[in-house]
C-alpha cells in the first residue's frame, strides 16, 4: 500500500468532491433568481431550495470526511 499511495481512486474521489462543491455553489447562487422570478409555484421553489440545502449538507459531510478541504498528497 505504501508504494501506491495515494491511489488513483483517491484522487478521483477528491476531485469529484470538489465538483460537487462547485455545483452546490451554483445551486446556492441560483436560489435568488428562483425566488424572485415570476411563474414558479411555491412547491417548485421549496423543492429547489430543499435540494440546494441537501447539497449543502452533502458538502458539509464531505468536509467532515476530509474528502474536500484536505491535501491528498
N, C-alpha and C. Protein backbone atom coordinates (compact mmCIF):
# COMPACT_ATOMS: atom_id res chain seq x y z
N UNK A 1 0.82 -1.19 0.00
CA UNK A 1 0.00 0.00 0.00
C UNK A 1 0.87 1.25 0.00
N UNK A 2 1.98 1.22 0.65
CA UNK A 2 2.83 2.40 0.72
C UNK A 2 3.38 2.75 -0.65
N UNK A 3 3.61 1.75 -1.49
CA UNK A 3 4.17 2.01 -2.82
C UNK A 3 3.20 2.75 -3.73
N UNK A 4 1.91 2.55 -3.54
CA UNK A 4 0.92 3.12 -4.44
C UNK A 4 -0.01 4.10 -3.74
N UNK A 5 0.46 4.80 -2.73
CA UNK A 5 -0.39 5.74 -2.01
C UNK A 5 -0.08 7.14 -2.48
N UNK A 6 -0.98 7.99 -2.74
CA UNK A 6 -2.43 7.80 -2.79
C UNK A 6 -2.86 7.13 -4.09
N UNK A 7 -3.88 6.36 -3.98
CA UNK A 7 -4.42 5.60 -5.09
C UNK A 7 -5.09 6.55 -6.10
N UNK A 8 -5.21 6.09 -7.33
CA UNK A 8 -5.89 6.89 -8.37
C UNK A 8 -7.33 7.17 -7.98
N UNK A 9 -7.97 6.19 -7.38
CA UNK A 9 -9.36 6.38 -6.94
C UNK A 9 -9.48 7.47 -5.90
N UNK A 10 -8.45 7.63 -5.09
CA UNK A 10 -8.47 8.67 -4.07
C UNK A 10 -8.40 10.06 -4.72
N UNK A 11 -7.59 10.18 -5.76
CA UNK A 11 -7.53 11.45 -6.49
C UNK A 11 -8.87 11.75 -7.15
N UNK A 12 -9.46 10.73 -7.78
CA UNK A 12 -10.74 10.93 -8.46
C UNK A 12 -11.83 11.30 -7.47
N UNK A 13 -11.85 10.68 -6.32
CA UNK A 13 -12.83 11.00 -5.30
C UNK A 13 -12.64 12.42 -4.79
N UNK A 14 -11.41 12.83 -4.63
CA UNK A 14 -11.11 14.19 -4.18
C UNK A 14 -11.63 15.23 -5.18
N UNK A 15 -11.36 15.00 -6.46
CA UNK A 15 -11.80 15.95 -7.48
C UNK A 15 -13.31 15.89 -7.68
N UNK A 16 -13.91 14.73 -7.53
CA UNK A 16 -15.37 14.63 -7.61
C UNK A 16 -16.02 15.39 -6.45
N UNK A 17 -15.40 15.35 -5.29
CA UNK A 17 -15.91 16.12 -4.15
C UNK A 17 -15.88 17.61 -4.43
N UNK A 18 -14.80 18.08 -5.06
CA UNK A 18 -14.73 19.50 -5.41
C UNK A 18 -15.73 19.85 -6.51
N UNK A 19 -16.02 18.90 -7.39
CA UNK A 19 -17.05 19.13 -8.40
C UNK A 19 -18.41 19.30 -7.75
N UNK A 20 -18.70 18.48 -6.77
CA UNK A 20 -19.96 18.61 -6.02
C UNK A 20 -20.01 19.96 -5.30
N UNK A 21 -18.88 20.39 -4.77
CA UNK A 21 -18.84 21.69 -4.10
C UNK A 21 -19.12 22.82 -5.09
N UNK A 22 -18.59 22.72 -6.29
CA UNK A 22 -18.85 23.74 -7.30
C UNK A 22 -20.31 23.77 -7.73
N UNK A 23 -20.90 22.61 -7.91
CA UNK A 23 -22.32 22.54 -8.28
C UNK A 23 -23.18 23.10 -7.15
N UNK A 24 -22.79 22.84 -5.92
CA UNK A 24 -23.53 23.38 -4.78
C UNK A 24 -23.47 24.90 -4.77
N UNK A 25 -22.32 25.44 -5.06
CA UNK A 25 -22.19 26.90 -5.13
C UNK A 25 -23.11 27.48 -6.21
N UNK A 26 -23.16 26.82 -7.36
CA UNK A 26 -24.05 27.28 -8.42
C UNK A 26 -25.52 27.18 -8.00
N UNK A 27 -25.88 26.12 -7.32
CA UNK A 27 -27.26 25.96 -6.86
C UNK A 27 -27.62 27.04 -5.83
N UNK A 28 -26.70 27.34 -4.94
CA UNK A 28 -26.97 28.37 -3.95
C UNK A 28 -27.09 29.75 -4.60
N UNK A 29 -26.30 30.00 -5.65
CA UNK A 29 -26.41 31.27 -6.35
C UNK A 29 -27.71 31.33 -7.16
N UNK A 30 -28.23 30.20 -7.57
CA UNK A 30 -29.47 30.17 -8.35
C UNK A 30 -30.70 30.28 -7.46
N UNK A 31 -30.54 30.24 -6.16
CA UNK A 31 -31.69 30.37 -5.27
C UNK A 31 -32.35 31.74 -5.39
N UNK A 32 -31.53 32.77 -5.52
CA UNK A 32 -32.09 34.13 -5.60
C UNK A 32 -33.01 34.29 -6.81
N UNK A 33 -32.56 33.95 -8.02
CA UNK A 33 -33.48 34.07 -9.16
C UNK A 33 -34.69 33.14 -9.05
N UNK A 34 -34.52 32.00 -8.43
CA UNK A 34 -35.64 31.06 -8.31
C UNK A 34 -36.75 31.65 -7.45
N UNK A 35 -36.39 32.46 -6.48
CA UNK A 35 -37.41 33.03 -5.60
C UNK A 35 -37.99 34.33 -6.12
N UNK A 36 -37.29 35.03 -7.02
CA UNK A 36 -37.84 36.30 -7.49
C UNK A 36 -38.47 36.20 -8.87
N UNK A 37 -38.22 35.13 -9.61
CA UNK A 37 -38.76 35.02 -10.96
C UNK A 37 -40.27 34.72 -10.89
N UNK A 38 -40.98 35.31 -11.82
CA UNK A 38 -42.43 35.11 -11.86
C UNK A 38 -42.73 33.81 -12.59
N UNK A 39 -43.70 33.08 -12.12
CA UNK A 39 -44.13 31.87 -12.80
C UNK A 39 -43.77 30.57 -12.07
N UNK A 40 -42.92 30.65 -11.09
CA UNK A 40 -42.60 29.46 -10.32
C UNK A 40 -43.59 29.35 -9.18
N UNK A 41 -44.16 28.20 -9.00
CA UNK A 41 -45.07 27.99 -7.88
C UNK A 41 -44.31 27.81 -6.58
N UNK A 42 -45.04 27.87 -5.49
CA UNK A 42 -44.42 27.73 -4.18
C UNK A 42 -43.79 26.36 -4.01
N UNK A 43 -44.47 25.31 -4.48
CA UNK A 43 -43.95 23.96 -4.34
C UNK A 43 -42.63 23.81 -5.09
N UNK A 44 -42.55 24.38 -6.29
CA UNK A 44 -41.32 24.30 -7.07
C UNK A 44 -40.18 25.05 -6.40
N UNK A 45 -40.48 26.22 -5.84
CA UNK A 45 -39.45 26.99 -5.14
C UNK A 45 -38.96 26.27 -3.89
N UNK A 46 -39.88 25.69 -3.14
CA UNK A 46 -39.48 24.95 -1.94
C UNK A 46 -38.67 23.71 -2.30
N UNK A 47 -39.06 23.02 -3.36
CA UNK A 47 -38.32 21.84 -3.79
C UNK A 47 -36.90 22.22 -4.20
N UNK A 48 -36.76 23.30 -4.96
CA UNK A 48 -35.45 23.79 -5.38
C UNK A 48 -34.60 24.17 -4.17
N UNK A 49 -35.22 24.84 -3.20
CA UNK A 49 -34.49 25.26 -2.00
C UNK A 49 -34.07 24.06 -1.16
N UNK A 50 -34.94 23.09 -1.02
CA UNK A 50 -34.59 21.89 -0.24
C UNK A 50 -33.47 21.10 -0.92
N UNK A 51 -33.49 21.06 -2.23
CA UNK A 51 -32.42 20.37 -2.95
C UNK A 51 -31.09 21.09 -2.74
N UNK A 52 -31.10 22.41 -2.79
CA UNK A 52 -29.88 23.19 -2.55
C UNK A 52 -29.38 22.98 -1.11
N UNK A 53 -30.31 22.93 -0.17
CA UNK A 53 -29.93 22.67 1.22
C UNK A 53 -29.35 21.28 1.39
N UNK A 54 -29.92 20.29 0.70
CA UNK A 54 -29.39 18.93 0.76
C UNK A 54 -27.98 18.88 0.19
N UNK A 55 -27.73 19.59 -0.89
CA UNK A 55 -26.38 19.64 -1.44
C UNK A 55 -25.41 20.32 -0.48
N UNK A 56 -25.87 21.33 0.21
CA UNK A 56 -25.02 21.99 1.21
C UNK A 56 -24.66 21.02 2.34
N UNK A 57 -25.62 20.24 2.76
CA UNK A 57 -25.35 19.26 3.82
C UNK A 57 -24.41 18.15 3.33
N UNK A 58 -24.52 17.77 2.07
CA UNK A 58 -23.59 16.79 1.49
C UNK A 58 -22.17 17.36 1.52
N UNK A 59 -22.05 18.65 1.21
CA UNK A 59 -20.72 19.28 1.24
C UNK A 59 -20.16 19.33 2.65
N UNK A 60 -20.99 19.60 3.61
CA UNK A 60 -20.51 19.59 4.99
C UNK A 60 -20.04 18.19 5.39
N UNK A 61 -20.74 17.17 4.92
CA UNK A 61 -20.32 15.80 5.22
C UNK A 61 -19.01 15.47 4.50
N UNK A 62 -18.86 15.90 3.27
CA UNK A 62 -17.60 15.67 2.56
C UNK A 62 -16.45 16.39 3.24
N UNK A 63 -16.72 17.56 3.79
CA UNK A 63 -15.69 18.29 4.54
C UNK A 63 -15.33 17.54 5.82
N UNK A 64 -16.32 17.00 6.49
CA UNK A 64 -16.06 16.26 7.72
C UNK A 64 -15.27 14.99 7.45
N UNK A 65 -15.55 14.33 6.34
CA UNK A 65 -14.82 13.12 5.96
C UNK A 65 -13.47 13.42 5.35
N UNK A 66 -13.15 14.71 5.21
CA UNK A 66 -11.89 15.20 4.67
C UNK A 66 -11.68 14.79 3.21
N UNK A 67 -12.78 14.65 2.46
CA UNK A 67 -12.67 14.39 1.03
C UNK A 67 -12.36 15.70 0.31
N UNK A 68 -12.97 16.78 0.77
CA UNK A 68 -12.61 18.10 0.27
C UNK A 68 -12.01 18.88 1.43
N UNK A 69 -11.10 19.75 1.10
CA UNK A 69 -10.50 20.59 2.13
C UNK A 69 -9.22 20.03 2.72
N UNK A 70 -8.82 18.84 2.31
CA UNK A 70 -7.58 18.27 2.83
C UNK A 70 -6.69 17.88 1.64
N UNK A 71 -5.40 17.93 1.84
CA UNK A 71 -4.48 17.54 0.79
C UNK A 71 -4.50 16.04 0.58
N UNK A 72 -4.45 15.62 -0.67
CA UNK A 72 -4.46 14.20 -0.97
C UNK A 72 -3.06 13.64 -1.01
N UNK A 73 -2.10 14.49 -1.31
CA UNK A 73 -0.71 14.02 -1.49
C UNK A 73 -0.07 13.67 -0.20
